[in-house]
Amino acid sequence: MADIQYDEEVDITDKVCPLTFVKAKVAIDELDEGQIIAIRMNDGEPVQNVPRSIKDEGHQILKLADNEDGTYTLFVKKVGD
């Protein structure tokens, strides 16, 4: 998928906004501080909104990778607990 090692993975391609962020946030909340999650999402609204919302929550965006199939994978490092 990418050259980033991650601890957890969540697929939100079956969700629509605002549930995309809600599902991503729940998954991040289950991580320990410093862990990395890979979030697979559809192009469009999720790619525009989810990274911004996660950053607003204080977490670190590591990379947004284009999977070249209409989806993207967002790598997020949990900050704080």
N, C-alpha and C. Protein backbone atom coordinates (compact mmCIF):
# COMPACT_ATOMS: atom_id res chain seq x y z
N MET A 1 0.83 -1.20 0.00
CA MET A 1 0.00 0.00 0.00
C MET A 1 0.87 1.25 0.00
N ALA A 2 1.80 1.33 0.96
CA ALA A 2 2.72 2.47 1.01
C ALA A 2 3.92 2.04 1.83
N ASP A 3 4.88 2.93 1.94
CA ASP A 3 6.09 2.60 2.67
C ASP A 3 5.98 2.95 4.15
N ILE A 4 4.80 3.22 4.63
CA ILE A 4 4.58 3.56 6.04
C ILE A 4 4.08 2.33 6.79
N GLN A 5 4.73 2.04 7.91
CA GLN A 5 4.28 0.94 8.78
C GLN A 5 3.13 1.47 9.62
N TYR A 6 2.06 0.69 9.74
CA TYR A 6 0.93 1.14 10.53
C TYR A 6 0.45 0.03 11.46
N ASP A 7 -0.24 0.45 12.52
CA ASP A 7 -0.69 -0.47 13.56
C ASP A 7 -2.10 -1.01 13.31
N GLU A 8 -2.95 -0.16 12.75
CA GLU A 8 -4.35 -0.53 12.49
C GLU A 8 -4.76 -0.04 11.12
N GLU A 9 -5.88 -0.58 10.64
CA GLU A 9 -6.40 -0.20 9.33
C GLU A 9 -7.93 -0.15 9.43
N VAL A 10 -8.53 0.86 8.78
CA VAL A 10 -9.98 0.95 8.74
C VAL A 10 -10.39 1.35 7.32
N ASP A 11 -11.46 0.75 6.85
CA ASP A 11 -11.98 1.04 5.51
C ASP A 11 -13.31 1.78 5.68
N ILE A 12 -13.35 3.03 5.19
CA ILE A 12 -14.59 3.81 5.30
C ILE A 12 -15.18 4.09 3.91
N THR A 13 -14.81 3.26 2.95
CA THR A 13 -15.31 3.46 1.58
C THR A 13 -16.81 3.19 1.48
N ASP A 14 -17.37 2.50 2.47
CA ASP A 14 -18.81 2.20 2.43
C ASP A 14 -19.63 3.26 3.17
N LYS A 15 -18.99 4.31 3.65
CA LYS A 15 -19.68 5.37 4.40
C LYS A 15 -19.73 6.66 3.59
N VAL A 16 -20.66 7.53 3.94
CA VAL A 16 -20.75 8.86 3.33
C VAL A 16 -20.61 9.90 4.44
N CYS A 17 -20.19 11.11 4.07
CA CYS A 17 -20.03 12.19 5.05
C CYS A 17 -21.38 12.48 5.69
N PRO A 18 -21.44 12.75 6.98
CA PRO A 18 -20.33 12.90 7.92
C PRO A 18 -19.92 11.60 8.61
N LEU A 19 -20.52 10.48 8.24
CA LEU A 19 -20.17 9.21 8.90
C LEU A 19 -18.73 8.78 8.62
N THR A 20 -18.15 9.28 7.52
CA THR A 20 -16.76 8.93 7.23
C THR A 20 -15.86 9.40 8.36
N PHE A 21 -16.04 10.66 8.78
CA PHE A 21 -15.20 11.18 9.86
C PHE A 21 -15.53 10.50 11.18
N VAL A 22 -16.79 10.25 11.43
CA VAL A 22 -17.19 9.62 12.69
C VAL A 22 -16.52 8.25 12.82
N LYS A 23 -16.57 7.45 11.77
CA LYS A 23 -15.96 6.11 11.82
C LYS A 23 -14.44 6.21 11.96
N ALA A 24 -13.82 7.16 11.25
CA ALA A 24 -12.37 7.35 11.36
C ALA A 24 -12.00 7.80 12.77
N LYS A 25 -12.77 8.72 13.35
CA LYS A 25 -12.49 9.22 14.69
C LYS A 25 -12.60 8.11 15.73
N VAL A 26 -13.62 7.28 15.63
CA VAL A 26 -13.78 6.15 16.56
C VAL A 26 -12.57 5.23 16.47
N ALA A 27 -12.11 4.94 15.26
CA ALA A 27 -10.95 4.07 15.08
C ALA A 27 -9.69 4.69 15.69
N ILE A 28 -9.51 5.98 15.50
CA ILE A 28 -8.34 6.67 16.07
C ILE A 28 -8.43 6.66 17.60
N ASP A 29 -9.60 6.88 18.13
CA ASP A 29 -9.78 6.90 19.59
C ASP A 29 -9.38 5.58 20.24
N GLU A 30 -9.47 4.49 19.50
CA GLU A 30 -9.13 3.17 20.04
C GLU A 30 -7.62 2.91 20.04
N LEU A 31 -6.86 3.77 19.38
CA LEU A 31 -5.41 3.60 19.33
C LEU A 31 -4.75 4.14 20.59
N ASP A 32 -3.52 3.69 20.83
CA ASP A 32 -2.69 4.29 21.87
C ASP A 32 -1.94 5.46 21.25
N GLU A 33 -1.55 6.41 22.08
CA GLU A 33 -0.80 7.57 21.58
C GLU A 33 0.44 7.09 20.84
N GLY A 34 0.69 7.68 19.68
CA GLY A 34 1.86 7.34 18.88
C GLY A 34 1.62 6.25 17.85
N GLN A 35 0.49 5.54 17.96
CA GLN A 35 0.21 4.50 16.98
C GLN A 35 -0.27 5.15 15.68
N ILE A 36 -0.13 4.39 14.59
CA ILE A 36 -0.48 4.88 13.25
C ILE A 36 -1.60 4.02 12.69
N ILE A 37 -2.56 4.70 12.06
CA ILE A 37 -3.69 4.02 11.43
C ILE A 37 -3.72 4.38 9.95
N ALA A 38 -4.10 3.41 9.13
CA ALA A 38 -4.31 3.62 7.70
C ALA A 38 -5.82 3.65 7.47
N ILE A 39 -6.30 4.76 6.93
CA ILE A 39 -7.73 4.93 6.70
C ILE A 39 -7.98 4.97 5.20
N ARG A 40 -8.69 3.96 4.70
CA ARG A 40 -9.01 3.90 3.26
C ARG A 40 -10.34 4.59 3.03
N MET A 41 -10.35 5.54 2.08
CA MET A 41 -11.57 6.31 1.82
C MET A 41 -11.73 6.58 0.34
N ASN A 42 -12.95 6.94 -0.05
CA ASN A 42 -13.23 7.28 -1.43
C ASN A 42 -12.73 8.68 -1.75
N ASP A 43 -12.53 8.93 -3.04
CA ASP A 43 -12.19 10.26 -3.53
C ASP A 43 -13.41 11.17 -3.32
N GLY A 44 -13.20 12.46 -3.39
CA GLY A 44 -14.31 13.40 -3.26
C GLY A 44 -14.40 13.97 -1.85
N GLU A 45 -15.62 14.04 -1.34
CA GLU A 45 -15.84 14.63 -0.02
C GLU A 45 -14.99 14.04 1.09
N PRO A 46 -14.87 12.71 1.19
CA PRO A 46 -14.04 12.16 2.26
C PRO A 46 -12.60 12.67 2.21
N VAL A 47 -12.00 12.69 1.02
CA VAL A 47 -10.62 13.14 0.89
C VAL A 47 -10.49 14.63 1.25
N GLN A 48 -11.52 15.39 0.95
CA GLN A 48 -11.49 16.82 1.28
C GLN A 48 -11.72 17.07 2.77
N ASN A 49 -12.62 16.31 3.38
CA ASN A 49 -13.06 16.61 4.74
C ASN A 49 -12.38 15.81 5.85
N VAL A 50 -12.15 14.53 5.65
CA VAL A 50 -11.62 13.70 6.73
C VAL A 50 -10.23 14.14 7.18
N PRO A 51 -9.27 14.35 6.28
CA PRO A 51 -7.95 14.78 6.75
C PRO A 51 -8.01 16.11 7.53
N ARG A 52 -8.78 17.05 7.05
CA ARG A 52 -8.89 18.34 7.73
C ARG A 52 -9.49 18.17 9.13
N SER A 53 -10.53 17.37 9.22
CA SER A 53 -11.18 17.15 10.52
C SER A 53 -10.26 16.44 11.50
N ILE A 54 -9.51 15.46 11.01
CA ILE A 54 -8.57 14.73 11.87
C ILE A 54 -7.47 15.67 12.35
N LYS A 55 -6.97 16.51 11.45
CA LYS A 55 -5.94 17.48 11.84
C LYS A 55 -6.49 18.45 12.87
N ASP A 56 -7.74 18.88 12.69
CA ASP A 56 -8.38 19.77 13.66
C ASP A 56 -8.50 19.12 15.04
N GLU A 57 -8.57 17.79 15.07
CA GLU A 57 -8.64 17.05 16.34
C GLU A 57 -7.26 16.99 17.01
N GLY A 58 -6.21 17.41 16.29
CA GLY A 58 -4.87 17.44 16.87
C GLY A 58 -3.97 16.29 16.49
N HIS A 59 -4.43 15.42 15.60
CA HIS A 59 -3.62 14.28 15.19
C HIS A 59 -2.72 14.66 14.01
N GLN A 60 -1.69 13.87 13.80
CA GLN A 60 -0.70 14.18 12.76
C GLN A 60 -1.00 13.40 11.48
N ILE A 61 -1.18 14.13 10.38
CA ILE A 61 -1.36 13.50 9.06
C ILE A 61 0.04 13.18 8.53
N LEU A 62 0.28 11.91 8.25
CA LEU A 62 1.59 11.51 7.74
C LEU A 62 1.64 11.50 6.22
N LYS A 63 0.56 11.00 5.61
CA LYS A 63 0.56 10.88 4.15
C LYS A 63 -0.84 10.59 3.65
N LEU A 64 -1.15 11.10 2.48
CA LEU A 64 -2.38 10.76 1.77
C LEU A 64 -1.95 10.12 0.46
N ALA A 65 -2.18 8.83 0.33
CA ALA A 65 -1.71 8.08 -0.84
C ALA A 65 -2.88 7.76 -1.77
N ASP A 66 -2.66 8.03 -3.06
CA ASP A 66 -3.64 7.71 -4.09
C ASP A 66 -3.49 6.24 -4.46
N ASN A 67 -4.54 5.46 -4.24
CA ASN A 67 -4.50 4.03 -4.55
C ASN A 67 -4.75 3.75 -6.03
N GLU A 68 -5.04 4.81 -6.79
CA GLU A 68 -5.26 4.73 -8.23
C GLU A 68 -6.43 3.83 -8.62
N ASP A 69 -7.41 3.72 -7.71
CA ASP A 69 -8.62 2.96 -8.01
C ASP A 69 -9.86 3.73 -7.55
N GLY A 70 -9.69 5.05 -7.40
CA GLY A 70 -10.79 5.88 -6.92
C GLY A 70 -10.83 6.00 -5.41
N THR A 71 -9.84 5.38 -4.75
CA THR A 71 -9.75 5.48 -3.29
C THR A 71 -8.38 6.04 -2.89
N TYR A 72 -8.33 6.51 -1.66
CA TYR A 72 -7.09 7.01 -1.09
C TYR A 72 -6.88 6.36 0.27
N THR A 73 -5.63 6.32 0.70
CA THR A 73 -5.33 5.85 2.05
C THR A 73 -4.64 6.98 2.79
N LEU A 74 -5.23 7.32 3.93
CA LEU A 74 -4.72 8.39 4.78
C LEU A 74 -4.02 7.74 5.97
N PHE A 75 -2.77 8.13 6.18
CA PHE A 75 -1.99 7.61 7.31
C PHE A 75 -1.95 8.67 8.40
N VAL A 76 -2.42 8.30 9.58
CA VAL A 76 -2.56 9.23 10.69
C VAL A 76 -1.85 8.69 11.92
N LYS A 77 -1.10 9.57 12.58
CA LYS A 77 -0.45 9.22 13.86
C LYS A 77 -1.26 9.85 14.98
N LYS A 78 -1.67 9.04 15.94
CA LYS A 78 -2.46 9.55 17.06
C LYS A 78 -1.59 10.41 17.97
N VAL A 79 -2.08 11.59 18.27
CA VAL A 79 -1.40 12.50 19.18
C VAL A 79 -2.29 12.70 20.39
N GLY A 80 -1.75 12.54 21.57
CA GLY A 80 -2.55 12.73 22.78
C GLY A 80 -3.43 11.53 23.06
N ASP A 81 -4.01 11.52 24.23
CA ASP A 81 -4.87 10.39 24.59
C ASP A 81 -6.10 10.81 25.33
